[in-house]
Amino acid sequence: MWTAGTEDAIQSMATAAWSLDDWLKTNIDQLEILTAKVRGDLSDLKRRAIVALITVDVHARDIVDELNQNKIESINDFKWMKQLKYYWDEESAQGDEMKIK
């Protein structure tokens, strides 16, 4: 979902210069929700899972921030192309399959 959202925001930059700003805010909002949850009363397993999500999401937020600062407008820009991305493959998914590019 993050990859799709980021690519949508990048492609919208040509017509809506604020799209990466909005996507960055969404990433920050999601991190705040996870941070609030991890501060709550959780089992050890749930806490570790949320901490792992926070770690991945902080990295994702930093990528979006860098793309935004560099005013990336194309998914073919090297700064986006160099990122490891996960794509959901609807055509071949019979279960929960993903493609890594």
N, C-alpha and C. Protein backbone atom coordinates (compact mmCIF):
# COMPACT_ATOMS: atom_id res chain seq x y z
N MET A 1 0.82 -1.19 0.00
CA MET A 1 0.00 0.00 0.00
C MET A 1 0.87 1.26 0.00
N TRP A 2 1.99 1.22 0.74
CA TRP A 2 2.86 2.39 0.77
C TRP A 2 3.43 2.68 -0.61
N THR A 3 3.86 1.64 -1.31
CA THR A 3 4.43 1.83 -2.64
C THR A 3 3.40 2.45 -3.58
N ALA A 4 2.18 1.91 -3.56
CA ALA A 4 1.12 2.44 -4.43
C ALA A 4 0.79 3.88 -4.07
N GLY A 5 0.69 4.18 -2.78
CA GLY A 5 0.40 5.55 -2.35
C GLY A 5 1.49 6.52 -2.74
N THR A 6 2.74 6.09 -2.61
CA THR A 6 3.87 6.94 -2.97
C THR A 6 3.90 7.19 -4.47
N GLU A 7 3.68 6.14 -5.25
CA GLU A 7 3.68 6.33 -6.71
C GLU A 7 2.52 7.21 -7.15
N ASP A 8 1.37 7.07 -6.53
CA ASP A 8 0.24 7.96 -6.85
C ASP A 8 0.60 9.41 -6.55
N ALA A 9 1.22 9.64 -5.40
CA ALA A 9 1.61 11.01 -5.03
C ALA A 9 2.64 11.57 -5.99
N ILE A 10 3.62 10.76 -6.37
CA ILE A 10 4.65 11.22 -7.31
C ILE A 10 4.02 11.59 -8.64
N GLN A 11 3.17 10.72 -9.15
CA GLN A 11 2.55 10.97 -10.45
C GLN A 11 1.62 12.18 -10.41
N SER A 12 1.10 12.52 -9.24
CA SER A 12 0.23 13.68 -9.11
C SER A 12 1.00 14.99 -9.00
N MET A 13 2.31 14.91 -8.78
CA MET A 13 3.12 16.12 -8.61
C MET A 13 3.04 17.06 -9.81
N ALA A 14 2.89 16.52 -10.99
CA ALA A 14 2.85 17.36 -12.20
C ALA A 14 1.65 18.30 -12.18
N THR A 15 0.55 17.87 -11.60
CA THR A 15 -0.67 18.69 -11.59
C THR A 15 -1.03 19.21 -10.21
N ALA A 16 -0.52 18.56 -9.18
CA ALA A 16 -0.82 18.96 -7.80
C ALA A 16 0.48 18.95 -7.01
N ALA A 17 1.15 20.08 -7.00
CA ALA A 17 2.49 20.17 -6.41
C ALA A 17 2.52 19.81 -4.92
N TRP A 18 1.41 19.77 -4.27
CA TRP A 18 1.33 19.48 -2.84
C TRP A 18 1.09 17.99 -2.56
N SER A 19 0.97 17.15 -3.56
CA SER A 19 0.58 15.76 -3.35
C SER A 19 1.58 15.00 -2.47
N LEU A 20 2.88 15.22 -2.65
CA LEU A 20 3.84 14.56 -1.78
C LEU A 20 3.81 15.14 -0.37
N ASP A 21 3.49 16.43 -0.24
CA ASP A 21 3.29 17.01 1.09
C ASP A 21 2.17 16.29 1.82
N ASP A 22 1.06 16.09 1.12
CA ASP A 22 -0.10 15.40 1.71
C ASP A 22 0.24 13.96 2.07
N TRP A 23 0.96 13.27 1.19
CA TRP A 23 1.33 11.89 1.44
C TRP A 23 2.30 11.80 2.62
N LEU A 24 3.21 12.75 2.74
CA LEU A 24 4.12 12.79 3.88
C LEU A 24 3.33 12.98 5.18
N LYS A 25 2.35 13.87 5.16
CA LYS A 25 1.51 14.07 6.35
C LYS A 25 0.76 12.79 6.71
N THR A 26 0.25 12.08 5.72
CA THR A 26 -0.43 10.82 5.97
C THR A 26 0.52 9.82 6.63
N ASN A 27 1.76 9.75 6.14
CA ASN A 27 2.76 8.86 6.73
C ASN A 27 3.03 9.23 8.18
N ILE A 28 3.15 10.51 8.46
CA ILE A 28 3.40 10.98 9.82
C ILE A 28 2.21 10.66 10.72
N ASP A 29 1.00 10.89 10.23
CA ASP A 29 -0.21 10.58 11.01
C ASP A 29 -0.27 9.10 11.37
N GLN A 30 0.06 8.24 10.41
CA GLN A 30 0.05 6.80 10.68
C GLN A 30 1.09 6.42 11.72
N LEU A 31 2.25 7.07 11.69
CA LEU A 31 3.27 6.83 12.70
C LEU A 31 2.80 7.26 14.09
N GLU A 32 2.10 8.37 14.14
CA GLU A 32 1.59 8.84 15.43
C GLU A 32 0.58 7.86 16.02
N ILE A 33 -0.24 7.26 15.17
CA ILE A 33 -1.21 6.26 15.63
C ILE A 33 -0.48 5.04 16.19
N LEU A 34 0.53 4.57 15.47
CA LEU A 34 1.30 3.41 15.94
C LEU A 34 2.05 3.73 17.23
N THR A 35 2.58 4.93 17.32
CA THR A 35 3.30 5.34 18.53
C THR A 35 2.37 5.35 19.74
N ALA A 36 1.16 5.84 19.55
CA ALA A 36 0.18 5.85 20.65
C ALA A 36 -0.16 4.41 21.06
N LYS A 37 -0.30 3.52 20.09
CA LYS A 37 -0.62 2.12 20.40
C LYS A 37 0.50 1.44 21.17
N VAL A 38 1.74 1.69 20.78
CA VAL A 38 2.86 1.01 21.43
C VAL A 38 3.02 1.48 22.88
N ARG A 39 2.50 2.64 23.20
CA ARG A 39 2.58 3.15 24.57
C ARG A 39 1.49 2.55 25.46
N GLY A 40 0.55 1.85 24.85
CA GLY A 40 -0.57 1.27 25.59
C GLY A 40 -0.20 -0.06 26.23
N ASP A 41 -1.22 -0.68 26.80
CA ASP A 41 -1.06 -1.98 27.46
C ASP A 41 -1.16 -3.08 26.40
N LEU A 42 -0.01 -3.65 26.05
CA LEU A 42 0.06 -4.67 25.00
C LEU A 42 0.82 -5.89 25.47
N SER A 43 0.52 -7.01 24.85
CA SER A 43 1.33 -8.20 25.10
C SER A 43 2.72 -7.95 24.50
N ASP A 44 3.67 -8.73 24.93
CA ASP A 44 5.04 -8.58 24.43
C ASP A 44 5.10 -8.78 22.91
N LEU A 45 4.37 -9.77 22.41
CA LEU A 45 4.36 -10.06 20.99
C LEU A 45 3.77 -8.90 20.19
N LYS A 46 2.65 -8.35 20.64
CA LYS A 46 2.02 -7.22 19.93
C LYS A 46 2.93 -6.00 19.96
N ARG A 47 3.58 -5.77 21.10
CA ARG A 47 4.49 -4.62 21.19
C ARG A 47 5.64 -4.76 20.20
N ARG A 48 6.23 -5.95 20.12
CA ARG A 48 7.33 -6.17 19.18
C ARG A 48 6.87 -6.01 17.73
N ALA A 49 5.67 -6.46 17.42
CA ALA A 49 5.15 -6.32 16.06
C ALA A 49 4.96 -4.85 15.71
N ILE A 50 4.41 -4.07 16.64
CA ILE A 50 4.18 -2.65 16.37
C ILE A 50 5.51 -1.90 16.27
N VAL A 51 6.47 -2.26 17.10
CA VAL A 51 7.80 -1.62 17.03
C VAL A 51 8.42 -1.91 15.66
N ALA A 52 8.26 -3.12 15.16
CA ALA A 52 8.78 -3.45 13.83
C ALA A 52 8.08 -2.62 12.76
N LEU A 53 6.76 -2.45 12.86
CA LEU A 53 6.02 -1.61 11.92
C LEU A 53 6.50 -0.16 11.98
N ILE A 54 6.72 0.33 13.18
CA ILE A 54 7.20 1.71 13.35
C ILE A 54 8.56 1.87 12.67
N THR A 55 9.44 0.89 12.84
CA THR A 55 10.77 0.96 12.22
C THR A 55 10.67 1.06 10.71
N VAL A 56 9.84 0.20 10.12
CA VAL A 56 9.65 0.22 8.66
C VAL A 56 9.00 1.54 8.22
N ASP A 57 8.00 1.99 8.98
CA ASP A 57 7.29 3.22 8.60
C ASP A 57 8.15 4.48 8.76
N VAL A 58 9.06 4.49 9.72
CA VAL A 58 9.97 5.64 9.86
C VAL A 58 10.87 5.71 8.63
N HIS A 59 11.36 4.58 8.19
CA HIS A 59 12.17 4.56 6.97
C HIS A 59 11.36 5.03 5.77
N ALA A 60 10.12 4.56 5.66
CA ALA A 60 9.24 4.97 4.56
C ALA A 60 8.97 6.47 4.60
N ARG A 61 8.73 6.99 5.80
CA ARG A 61 8.50 8.43 5.95
C ARG A 61 9.71 9.22 5.49
N ASP A 62 10.90 8.75 5.85
CA ASP A 62 12.13 9.44 5.44
C ASP A 62 12.30 9.44 3.92
N ILE A 63 11.93 8.33 3.28
CA ILE A 63 12.00 8.26 1.82
C ILE A 63 11.05 9.28 1.20
N VAL A 64 9.81 9.32 1.69
CA VAL A 64 8.83 10.28 1.16
C VAL A 64 9.31 11.71 1.39
N ASP A 65 9.89 11.98 2.54
CA ASP A 65 10.41 13.31 2.83
C ASP A 65 11.51 13.69 1.84
N GLU A 66 12.42 12.75 1.56
CA GLU A 66 13.50 13.02 0.60
C GLU A 66 12.93 13.28 -0.80
N LEU A 67 11.98 12.44 -1.21
CA LEU A 67 11.36 12.63 -2.53
C LEU A 67 10.68 13.99 -2.61
N ASN A 68 10.02 14.38 -1.53
CA ASN A 68 9.32 15.66 -1.48
C ASN A 68 10.31 16.82 -1.55
N GLN A 69 11.38 16.74 -0.80
CA GLN A 69 12.38 17.81 -0.82
C GLN A 69 13.02 17.96 -2.19
N ASN A 70 13.15 16.86 -2.91
CA ASN A 70 13.75 16.89 -4.24
C ASN A 70 12.74 17.13 -5.35
N LYS A 71 11.47 17.33 -4.97
CA LYS A 71 10.39 17.63 -5.93
C LYS A 71 10.32 16.60 -7.06
N ILE A 72 10.38 15.35 -6.69
CA ILE A 72 10.30 14.26 -7.67
C ILE A 72 8.92 14.29 -8.33
N GLU A 73 8.87 14.20 -9.65
CA GLU A 73 7.60 14.24 -10.39
C GLU A 73 7.38 13.03 -11.26
N SER A 74 8.32 12.07 -11.23
CA SER A 74 8.20 10.90 -12.10
C SER A 74 8.64 9.65 -11.33
N ILE A 75 7.89 8.57 -11.53
CA ILE A 75 8.29 7.31 -10.91
C ILE A 75 9.54 6.73 -11.58
N ASN A 76 9.98 7.37 -12.65
CA ASN A 76 11.21 6.95 -13.33
C ASN A 76 12.44 7.70 -12.84
N ASP A 77 12.25 8.63 -11.90
CA ASP A 77 13.37 9.35 -11.31
C ASP A 77 14.22 8.37 -10.50
N PHE A 78 15.53 8.50 -10.60
CA PHE A 78 16.43 7.57 -9.93
C PHE A 78 16.19 7.51 -8.42
N LYS A 79 15.87 8.63 -7.80
CA LYS A 79 15.67 8.64 -6.36
C LYS A 79 14.51 7.74 -5.93
N TRP A 80 13.54 7.54 -6.81
CA TRP A 80 12.46 6.59 -6.53
C TRP A 80 12.83 5.19 -7.02
N MET A 81 13.45 5.11 -8.19
CA MET A 81 13.79 3.81 -8.77
C MET A 81 14.74 3.00 -7.88
N LYS A 82 15.61 3.68 -7.13
CA LYS A 82 16.60 2.97 -6.32
C LYS A 82 16.01 2.33 -5.07
N GLN A 83 14.76 2.64 -4.74
CA GLN A 83 14.13 2.11 -3.53
C GLN A 83 13.63 0.68 -3.74
N LEU A 84 13.77 -0.13 -2.70
CA LEU A 84 13.17 -1.46 -2.71
C LEU A 84 11.68 -1.28 -2.51
N LYS A 85 10.90 -1.83 -3.43
CA LYS A 85 9.45 -1.63 -3.37
C LYS A 85 8.74 -2.97 -3.46
N TYR A 86 7.60 -3.06 -2.80
CA TYR A 86 6.76 -4.25 -2.85
C TYR A 86 5.49 -3.89 -3.60
N TYR A 87 5.12 -4.74 -4.55
CA TYR A 87 3.91 -4.53 -5.35
C TYR A 87 2.97 -5.71 -5.17
N TRP A 88 1.70 -5.45 -5.03
CA TRP A 88 0.69 -6.48 -4.99
C TRP A 88 0.36 -6.85 -6.43
N ASP A 89 0.45 -8.12 -6.76
CA ASP A 89 0.19 -8.59 -8.12
C ASP A 89 -1.20 -9.23 -8.16
N GLU A 90 -2.18 -8.45 -8.56
CA GLU A 90 -3.57 -8.91 -8.61
C GLU A 90 -3.76 -10.07 -9.58
N GLU A 91 -3.06 -10.06 -10.70
CA GLU A 91 -3.26 -11.06 -11.74
C GLU A 91 -2.83 -12.46 -11.31
N SER A 92 -1.70 -12.55 -10.65
CA SER A 92 -1.20 -13.87 -10.29
C SER A 92 -1.48 -14.25 -8.85
N ALA A 93 -2.08 -13.34 -8.09
CA ALA A 93 -2.32 -13.62 -6.67
C ALA A 93 -3.47 -14.59 -6.50
N GLN A 94 -3.15 -15.76 -6.00
CA GLN A 94 -4.18 -16.71 -5.65
C GLN A 94 -4.36 -16.73 -4.15
N GLY A 95 -3.40 -16.24 -3.48
CA GLY A 95 -3.43 -16.14 -2.03
C GLY A 95 -2.95 -14.75 -1.67
N ASP A 96 -1.90 -14.70 -0.92
CA ASP A 96 -1.32 -13.43 -0.50
C ASP A 96 0.06 -13.27 -1.10
N GLU A 97 0.13 -13.19 -2.42
CA GLU A 97 1.41 -13.10 -3.10
C GLU A 97 1.78 -11.65 -3.38
N MET A 98 3.06 -11.37 -3.27
CA MET A 98 3.57 -10.05 -3.60
C MET A 98 4.76 -10.24 -4.52
N LYS A 99 5.02 -9.21 -5.31
CA LYS A 99 6.24 -9.19 -6.12
C LYS A 99 7.16 -8.13 -5.53
N ILE A 100 8.42 -8.46 -5.48
CA ILE A 100 9.41 -7.50 -5.02
C ILE A 100 10.19 -7.02 -6.22
N LYS A 101 10.30 -5.70 -6.36
CA LYS A 101 11.04 -5.12 -7.47
C LYS A 101 12.14 -4.25 -6.93
